[in-house]
PDB file of N, CA and C in Angstrom:
ATOM      1  N   MET A   1       1.267  -1.286   0.110  1.00  0.00           N
ATOM      2  CA  MET A   1       0.052  -0.188   0.103  1.00  0.00           C
ATOM      3  C   MET A   1       0.839   1.243   0.279  1.00  0.00           C
ATOM      4  N   GLY A   2       0.673   2.389  -0.927  1.00  0.00           N
ATOM      5  CA  GLY A   2       1.090   3.637  -0.816  1.00  0.00           C
ATOM      6  C   GLY A   2       0.176   4.508  -0.325  1.00  0.00           C
ATOM      7  N   VAL A   3       0.731   5.644   0.489  1.00  0.00           N
ATOM      8  CA  VAL A   3       0.136   6.983   1.044  1.00  0.00           C
ATOM      9  C   VAL A   3       0.639   7.931   0.629  1.00  0.00           C
ATOM     10  N   MET A   4      -0.582   8.441  -0.510  1.00  0.00           N
ATOM     11  CA  MET A   4       0.135   9.820  -1.302  1.00  0.00           C
ATOM     12  C   MET A   4      -0.918  10.739  -0.769  1.00  0.00           C
ATOM     13  N   ASP A   5      -0.543  11.960  -1.322  1.00  0.00           N
ATOM     14  CA  ASP A   5      -1.011  12.891  -1.123  1.00  0.00           C
ATOM     15  C   ASP A   5      -1.626  13.894  -1.987  1.00  0.00           C
ATOM     16  N   CYS A   6      -2.331  12.693  -2.853  1.00  0.00           N
ATOM     17  CA  CYS A   6      -2.852  13.286  -3.841  1.00  0.00           C
ATOM     18  C   CYS A   6      -2.174  14.290  -5.108  1.00  0.00           C
ATOM     19  N   ILE A   7      -0.903  13.475  -5.291  1.00  0.00           N
ATOM     20  CA  ILE A   7      -0.065  13.863  -6.237  1.00  0.00           C
ATOM     21  C   ILE A   7      -0.118  13.263  -7.616  1.00  0.00           C
ATOM     22  N   PRO A   8      -0.869  13.412  -8.612  1.00  0.00           N
ATOM     23  CA  PRO A   8      -1.153  12.564  -9.796  1.00  0.00           C
ATOM     24  C   PRO A   8       0.072  11.970 -10.111  1.00  0.00           C
ATOM     25  N   ALA A   9       1.303  12.579 -10.349  1.00  0.00           N
ATOM     26  CA  ALA A   9       2.486  11.641 -11.052  1.00  0.00           C
ATOM     27  C   ALA A   9       2.929  10.867 -10.154  1.00  0.00           C
ATOM     28  N   LEU A  10       2.744  11.108  -8.798  1.00  0.00           N
ATOM     29  CA  LEU A  10       3.347  10.084  -8.121  1.00  0.00           C
ATOM     30  C   LEU A  10       2.578   8.939  -7.694  1.00  0.00           C
ATOM     31  N   GLU A  11       1.103   8.704  -7.674  1.00  0.00           N
ATOM     32  CA  GLU A  11       0.091   7.968  -7.824  1.00  0.00           C
ATOM     33  C   GLU A  11       0.509   6.931  -9.406  1.00  0.00           C
ATOM     34  N   GLN A  12       0.925   7.913 -10.108  1.00  0.00           N
ATOM     35  CA  GLN A  12       1.079   7.311 -11.371  1.00  0.00           C
ATOM     36  C   GLN A  12       2.294   6.077 -11.648  1.00  0.00           C
ATOM     37  N   VAL A  13       3.318   6.841 -10.976  1.00  0.00           N
ATOM     38  CA  VAL A  13       4.607   6.124 -11.065  1.00  0.00           C
ATOM     39  C   VAL A  13       4.509   5.035 -10.257  1.00  0.00           C
ATOM     40  N   PHE A  14       4.230   4.992  -9.109  1.00  0.00           N
ATOM     41  CA  PHE A  14       4.255   4.080  -7.979  1.00  0.00           C
ATOM     42  C   PHE A  14       2.919   2.787  -8.306  1.00  0.00           C
ATOM     43  N   LYS A  15       1.818   3.427  -9.338  1.00  0.00           N
ATOM     44  CA  LYS A  15       1.089   2.307  -9.534  1.00  0.00           C
ATOM     45  C   LYS A  15       1.755   1.494 -11.069  1.00  0.00           C
ATOM     46  N   GLU A  16       2.548   1.876 -11.537  1.00  0.00           N
ATOM     47  CA  GLU A  16       3.314   1.321 -12.582  1.00  0.00           C
ATOM     48  C   GLU A  16       4.159   0.303 -12.131  1.00  0.00           C
ATOM     49  N   GLU A  17       5.086   1.138 -10.780  1.00  0.00           N
ATOM     50  CA  GLU A  17       6.067   0.294 -10.095  1.00  0.00           C
ATOM     51  C   GLU A  17       5.440  -1.126  -9.590  1.00  0.00           C
ATOM     52  N   PHE A  18       4.444  -0.733  -9.138  1.00  0.00           N
ATOM     53  CA  PHE A  18       3.688  -1.695  -7.844  1.00  0.00           C
ATOM     54  C   PHE A  18       2.337  -2.012  -8.223  1.00  0.00           C
ATOM     55  N   PRO A  19       2.081  -2.473  -9.642  1.00  0.00           N
ATOM     56  CA  PRO A  19       0.648  -2.583 -10.171  1.00  0.00           C
ATOM     57  C   PRO A  19      -0.576  -3.183  -9.120  1.00  0.00           C
ATOM     58  N   GLN A  20       0.110  -4.452  -8.260  1.00  0.00           N
ATOM     59  CA  GLN A  20      -0.781  -4.867  -7.355  1.00  0.00           C
ATOM     60  C   GLN A  20      -1.400  -3.997  -6.063  1.00  0.00           C
ATOM     61  N   ALA A  21      -0.422  -3.183  -5.768  1.00  0.00           N
ATOM     62  CA  ALA A  21      -0.436  -1.999  -4.724  1.00  0.00           C
ATOM     63  C   ALA A  21      -1.582  -1.453  -4.558  1.00  0.00           C
ATOM     64  N   GLU A  22      -2.558  -1.155  -3.758  1.00  0.00           N
ATOM     65  CA  GLU A  22      -3.433   0.044  -3.496  1.00  0.00           C
ATOM     66  C   GLU A  22      -2.621   1.312  -2.999  1.00  0.00           C
ATOM     67  N   VAL A  23      -3.520   2.489  -3.409  1.00  0.00           N
ATOM     68  CA  VAL A  23      -3.044   3.550  -2.883  1.00  0.00           C
ATOM     69  C   VAL A  23      -4.588   4.219  -1.760  1.00  0.00           C
ATOM     70  N   GLN A  24      -3.876   4.956  -0.715  1.00  0.00           N
ATOM     71  CA  GLN A  24      -4.541   5.298  -0.207  1.00  0.00           C
ATOM     72  C   GLN A  24      -3.974   6.609   0.182  1.00  0.00           C
ATOM     73  N   ARG A  25      -5.332   7.848   0.172  1.00  0.00           N
ATOM     74  CA  ARG A  25      -4.724   9.369   0.817  1.00  0.00           C
ATOM     75  C   ARG A  25      -4.287   9.436   1.838  1.00  0.00           C
ATOM     76  N   CYS A  26      -3.279  10.138   2.110  1.00  0.00           N
ATOM     77  CA  CYS A  26      -2.705  10.744   3.300  1.00  0.00           C
ATOM     78  C   CYS A  26      -3.770  11.332   4.310  1.00  0.00           C
ATOM     79  N   ILE A  27      -4.423  10.731   5.526  1.00  0.00           N
ATOM     80  CA  ILE A  27      -5.360  11.318   6.086  1.00  0.00           C
ATOM     81  C   ILE A  27      -5.146  12.707   6.763  1.00  0.00           C
ATOM     82  N   VAL A  28      -3.773  13.116   7.132  1.00  0.00           N
ATOM     83  CA  VAL A  28      -3.537  14.476   7.630  1.00  0.00           C
ATOM     84  C   VAL A  28      -4.064  15.652   6.105  1.00  0.00           C
ATOM     85  N   HIS A  29      -3.503  15.384   4.824  1.00  0.00           N
ATOM     86  CA  HIS A  29      -4.022  16.083   3.817  1.00  0.00           C
ATOM     87  C   HIS A  29      -5.237  16.117   3.816  1.00  0.00           C
ATOM     88  N   LEU A  30      -6.262  14.926   3.809  1.00  0.00           N
ATOM     89  CA  LEU A  30      -7.426  14.779   3.515  1.00  0.00           C
ATOM     90  C   LEU A  30      -8.264  15.850   4.236  1.00  0.00           C
ATOM     91  N   SER A  31      -7.821  15.241   6.048  1.00  0.00           N
ATOM     92  CA  SER A  31      -8.314  16.308   6.487  1.00  0.00           C
ATOM     93  C   SER A  31      -8.185  17.689   6.832  1.00  0.00           C
ATOM     94  N   ARG A  32      -6.907  18.065   6.377  1.00  0.00           N
ATOM     95  CA  ARG A  32      -6.409  19.853   6.590  1.00  0.00           C
ATOM     96  C   ARG A  32      -7.530  20.117   4.853  1.00  0.00           C
ATOM     97  N   ASN A  33      -7.698  19.424   4.062  1.00  0.00           N
ATOM     98  CA  ASN A  33      -8.717  19.714   2.907  1.00  0.00           C
ATOM     99  C   ASN A  33     -10.189  20.287   2.910  1.00  0.00           C
ATOM    100  N   VAL A  34     -10.153  19.055   3.906  1.00  0.00           N
ATOM    101  CA  VAL A  34     -12.084  19.160   4.431  1.00  0.00           C
ATOM    102  C   VAL A  34     -12.146  20.194   5.373  1.00  0.00           C
ATOM    103  N   LEU A  35     -11.140  20.278   6.327  1.00  0.00           N
ATOM    104  CA  LEU A  35     -11.186  21.701   7.261  1.00  0.00           C
ATOM    105  C   LEU A  35     -11.145  23.058   6.537  1.00  0.00           C
ATOM    106  N   ALA A  36     -10.448  23.106   5.632  1.00  0.00           N
ATOM    107  CA  ALA A  36     -10.273  24.286   4.642  1.00  0.00           C
ATOM    108  C   ALA A  36     -11.527  24.629   4.248  1.00  0.00           C
ATOM    109  N   ARG A  37     -12.281  23.834   4.035  1.00  0.00           N
ATOM    110  CA  ARG A  37     -13.480  24.313   3.493  1.00  0.00           C
ATOM    111  C   ARG A  37     -15.062  24.072   4.299  1.00  0.00           C
ATOM    112  N   THR A  38     -14.464  24.154   5.868  1.00  0.00           N
ATOM    113  CA  THR A  38     -15.320  23.778   6.735  1.00  0.00           C
ATOM    114  C   THR A  38     -15.414  25.302   7.596  1.00  0.00           C
ATOM    115  N   PRO A  39     -16.776  25.730   7.867  1.00  0.00           N
ATOM    116  CA  PRO A  39     -17.346  27.037   8.374  1.00  0.00           C
ATOM    117  C   PRO A  39     -16.163  26.732   9.939  1.00  0.00           C
ATOM    118  N   ARG A  40     -15.586  28.119  10.486  1.00  0.00           N
ATOM    119  CA  ARG A  40     -14.832  27.892  11.370  1.00  0.00           C
ATOM    120  C   ARG A  40     -15.758  27.276  12.694  1.00  0.00           C
ATOM    121  N   LYS A  41     -17.271  27.926  12.897  1.00  0.00           N
ATOM    122  CA  LYS A  41     -17.722  27.289  13.977  1.00  0.00           C
ATOM    123  C   LYS A  41     -18.027  26.136  13.862  1.00  0.00           C
ATOM    124  N   LEU A  42     -17.976  25.307  13.034  1.00  0.00           N
ATOM    125  CA  LEU A  42     -17.915  23.817  12.932  1.00  0.00           C
ATOM    126  C   LEU A  42     -16.547  22.709  12.527  1.00  0.00           C
ATOM    127  N   LYS A  43     -15.350  23.435  13.027  1.00  0.00           N
ATOM    128  CA  LYS A  43     -14.357  22.936  12.518  1.00  0.00           C
ATOM    129  C   LYS A  43     -13.945  21.946  13.496  1.00  0.00           C
ATOM    130  N   GLY A  44     -14.339  22.283  14.878  1.00  0.00           N
ATOM    131  CA  GLY A  44     -13.848  21.402  15.991  1.00  0.00           C
ATOM    132  C   GLY A  44     -14.857  19.861  15.519  1.00  0.00           C
ATOM    133  N   GLU A  45     -16.029  20.000  15.496  1.00  0.00           N
ATOM    134  CA  GLU A  45     -16.650  18.912  15.537  1.00  0.00           C
ATOM    135  C   GLU A  45     -16.521  17.974  14.204  1.00  0.00           C
ATOM    136  N   ILE A  46     -16.243  19.223  13.392  1.00  0.00           N
ATOM    137  CA  ILE A  46     -15.858  17.882  11.890  1.00  0.00           C
ATOM    138  C   ILE A  46     -14.923  17.153  12.198  1.00  0.00           C
ATOM    139  N   ALA A  47     -14.017  18.069  12.790  1.00  0.00           N
ATOM    140  CA  ALA A  47     -12.505  17.605  13.019  1.00  0.00           C
ATOM    141  C   ALA A  47     -12.629  15.973  14.214  1.00  0.00           C
ATOM    142  N   SER A  48     -13.205  16.147  15.053  1.00  0.00           N
ATOM    143  CA  SER A  48     -13.646  15.103  15.891  1.00  0.00           C
ATOM    144  C   SER A  48     -14.271  14.062  14.845  1.00  0.00           C
ATOM    145  N   GLU A  49     -15.219  14.239  13.966  1.00  0.00           N
ATOM    146  CA  GLU A  49     -15.968  13.221  13.748  1.00  0.00           C
ATOM    147  C   GLU A  49     -15.045  12.525  12.362  1.00  0.00           C
ATOM    148  N   LEU A  50     -14.154  13.657  12.066  1.00  0.00           N
ATOM    149  CA  LEU A  50     -13.416  12.674  10.862  1.00  0.00           C
ATOM    150  C   LEU A  50     -12.323  12.032  11.820  1.00  0.00           C
ATOM    151  N   ARG A  51     -11.887  12.414  12.636  1.00  0.00           N
ATOM    152  CA  ARG A  51     -10.759  11.551  13.823  1.00  0.00           C
ATOM    153  C   ARG A  51     -11.676  10.058  14.002  1.00  0.00           C
ATOM    154  N   GLY A  52     -12.971  10.062  14.264  1.00  0.00           N
ATOM    155  CA  GLY A  52     -13.957   9.316  14.854  1.00  0.00           C
ATOM    156  C   GLY A  52     -14.148   8.372  13.419  1.00  0.00           C
ATOM    157  N   ILE A  53     -13.986   8.413  12.172  1.00  0.00           N
ATOM    158  CA  ILE A  53     -13.714   7.834  10.941  1.00  0.00           C
ATOM    159  C   ILE A  53     -12.482   7.171  10.905  1.00  0.00           C
ATOM    160  N   PHE A  54     -11.500   7.842  10.979  1.00  0.00           N
ATOM    161  CA  PHE A  54     -10.140   7.385  10.440  1.00  0.00           C
ATOM    162  C   PHE A  54      -9.672   6.603  11.502  1.00  0.00           C
ATOM    163  N   TYR A  55     -10.041   6.418  12.879  1.00  0.00           N
ATOM    164  CA  TYR A  55      -9.609   5.706  13.657  1.00  0.00           C
ATOM    165  C   TYR A  55     -10.134   4.703  14.089  1.00  0.00           C
ATOM    166  N   SER A  56     -11.320   4.517  13.366  1.00  0.00           N
ATOM    167  CA  SER A  56     -12.326   3.066  13.812  1.00  0.00           C
ATOM    168  C   SER A  56     -11.390   1.598  13.659  1.00  0.00           C
ATOM    169  N   PRO A  57     -11.848   0.907  14.779  1.00  0.00           N
ATOM    170  CA  PRO A  57     -10.834  -0.356  15.074  1.00  0.00           C
ATOM    171  C   PRO A  57     -11.515  -1.285  13.255  1.00  0.00           C
ATOM    172  N   SER A  58     -12.694  -0.994  12.778  1.00  0.00           N
ATOM    173  CA  SER A  58     -12.415  -2.212  11.617  1.00  0.00           C
ATOM    174  C   SER A  58     -12.647  -1.481  10.341  1.00  0.00           C
ATOM    175  N   GLU A  59     -12.680  -2.106   9.159  1.00  0.00           N
ATOM    176  CA  GLU A  59     -13.319  -1.403   8.199  1.00  0.00           C
ATOM    177  C   GLU A  59     -15.018  -1.531   8.147  1.00  0.00           C
ATOM    178  N   GLU A  60     -15.801  -2.111   8.413  1.00  0.00           N
ATOM    179  CA  GLU A  60     -17.097  -2.482   9.043  1.00  0.00           C
ATOM    180  C   GLU A  60     -17.251  -0.920   9.424  1.00  0.00           C
ATOM    181  N   LYS A  61     -16.695  -0.600  10.958  1.00  0.00           N
ATOM    182  CA  LYS A  61     -17.033   0.603  11.678  1.00  0.00           C
ATOM    183  C   LYS A  61     -16.588   1.546  10.907  1.00  0.00           C
ATOM    184  N   VAL A  62     -15.736   1.718   9.935  1.00  0.00           N
ATOM    185  CA  VAL A  62     -15.239   2.931   9.370  1.00  0.00           C
ATOM    186  C   VAL A  62     -16.532   3.096   8.391  1.00  0.00           C
ATOM    187  N   ARG A  63     -16.857   2.480   7.770  1.00  0.00           N
ATOM    188  CA  ARG A  63     -18.328   2.452   6.722  1.00  0.00           C
ATOM    189  C   ARG A  63     -19.558   3.030   7.246  1.00  0.00           C
ATOM    190  N   GLU A  64     -19.489   2.378   8.456  1.00  0.00           N
ATOM    191  CA  GLU A  64     -20.519   2.643   9.168  1.00  0.00           C
ATOM    192  C   GLU A  64     -20.577   4.245   9.587  1.00  0.00           C
ATOM    193  N   ARG A  65     -19.390   4.547  10.391  1.00  0.00           N
ATOM    194  CA  ARG A  65     -19.379   5.772  10.998  1.00  0.00           C
ATOM    195  C   ARG A  65     -19.204   7.046   9.610  1.00  0.00           C
ATOM    196  N   PHE A  66     -18.871   6.701   8.348  1.00  0.00           N
ATOM    197  CA  PHE A  66     -19.048   7.433   7.275  1.00  0.00           C
ATOM    198  C   PHE A  66     -20.476   8.084   6.910  1.00  0.00           C
ATOM    199  N   ALA A  67     -21.179   6.752   7.004  1.00  0.00           N
ATOM    200  CA  ALA A  67     -22.323   6.768   6.408  1.00  0.00           C
ATOM    201  C   ALA A  67     -23.462   7.398   7.433  1.00  0.00           C
ATOM    202  N   ASP A  68     -22.992   7.386   8.857  1.00  0.00           N
ATOM    203  CA  ASP A  68     -23.723   8.288   9.409  1.00  0.00           C
ATOM    204  C   ASP A  68     -23.404   9.732   9.432  1.00  0.00           C
ATOM    205  N   PHE A  69     -22.197   9.634   9.136  1.00  0.00           N
ATOM    206  CA  PHE A  69     -21.382  11.411   9.045  1.00  0.00           C
ATOM    207  C   PHE A  69     -22.007  11.810   7.836  1.00  0.00           C
ATOM    208  N   ARG A  70     -22.532  11.224   6.874  1.00  0.00           N
ATOM    209  CA  ARG A  70     -23.139  11.950   5.600  1.00  0.00           C
ATOM    210  C   ARG A  70     -24.465  11.896   5.861  1.00  0.00           C
ATOM    211  N   LEU A  71     -25.688  10.903   6.311  1.00  0.00           N
ATOM    212  CA  LEU A  71     -26.811  11.287   6.263  1.00  0.00           C
ATOM    213  C   LEU A  71     -27.008  11.788   7.547  1.00  0.00           C
ATOM    214  N   ARG A  72     -26.697  11.932   8.771  1.00  0.00           N
ATOM    215  CA  ARG A  72     -26.972  12.550   9.717  1.00  0.00           C
ATOM    216  C   ARG A  72     -26.996  14.361   9.086  1.00  0.00           C
ATOM    217  N   GLY A  73     -25.637  14.606   8.867  1.00  0.00           N
ATOM    218  CA  GLY A  73     -25.489  16.058   8.315  1.00  0.00           C
ATOM    219  C   GLY A  73     -26.122  17.000   9.352  1.00  0.00           C
ATOM    220  N   ALA A  74     -25.723  16.807  10.281  1.00  0.00           N
ATOM    221  CA  ALA A  74     -26.086  17.990  11.302  1.00  0.00           C
ATOM    222  C   ALA A  74     -25.300  19.097  11.209  1.00  0.00           C
ATOM    223  N   TRP A  75     -24.130  18.815  10.641  1.00  0.00           N
ATOM    224  CA  TRP A  75     -23.103  20.052  10.528  1.00  0.00           C
ATOM    225  C   TRP A  75     -23.500  20.516   9.365  1.00  0.00           C
ATOM    226  N   ARG A  76     -24.182  19.945   8.197  1.00  0.00           N
ATOM    227  CA  ARG A  76     -24.633  20.775   6.961  1.00  0.00           C
ATOM    228  C   ARG A  76     -25.907  21.755   7.575  1.00  0.00           C
ATOM    229  N   LYS A  77     -27.072  21.493   8.460  1.00  0.00           N
ATOM    230  CA  LYS A  77     -27.680  22.087   8.462  1.00  0.00           C
ATOM    231  C   LYS A  77     -27.538  23.284   9.266  1.00  0.00           C
ATOM    232  N   ARG A  78     -26.418  23.032  10.518  1.00  0.00           N
ATOM    233  CA  ARG A  78     -26.012  24.450  11.186  1.00  0.00           C
ATOM    234  C   ARG A  78     -25.204  25.468   9.867  1.00  0.00           C
ATOM    235  N   SER A  79     -24.342  24.736   8.936  1.00  0.00           N
ATOM    236  CA  SER A  79     -23.677  25.719   7.954  1.00  0.00           C
ATOM    237  C   SER A  79     -24.273  26.429   7.403  1.00  0.00           C
ATOM    238  N   ARG A  80     -25.573  26.296   7.182  1.00  0.00           N
ATOM    239  CA  ARG A  80     -26.496  26.720   6.141  1.00  0.00           C
ATOM    240  C   ARG A  80     -26.920  28.241   6.849  1.00  0.00           C
ATOM    241  N   ARG A  81     -27.061  27.894   8.293  1.00  0.00           N
ATOM    242  CA  ARG A  81     -27.585  29.536   9.316  1.00  0.00           C
ATOM    243  C   ARG A  81     -26.217  29.914   9.137  1.00  0.00           C
ATOM    244  N   LEU A  82     -24.669  29.576   9.028  1.00  0.00           N
ATOM    245  CA  LEU A  82     -23.820  30.741   9.334  1.00  0.00           C
ATOM    246  C   LEU A  82     -23.571  31.606   8.532  1.00  0.00           C
TER     247      LEU A  82
END
């Protein structure tokens, strides 16, 4: 597995050299990108939810927490009022 920072050329070379390997986005950079587009008042809540997703004990739990994050959308409703 290769952990990348969303640099297309690097991912392409990695995939050419290791065709059987998977590529995963670096969670630090992914979090920064999400939080850069998050209203200031919601940054703490969203950061906490992201950590809960990223550090889940199993893939099943990750998928469950991510689905809940998307469906619940409490942060979406509040961001419209800001």
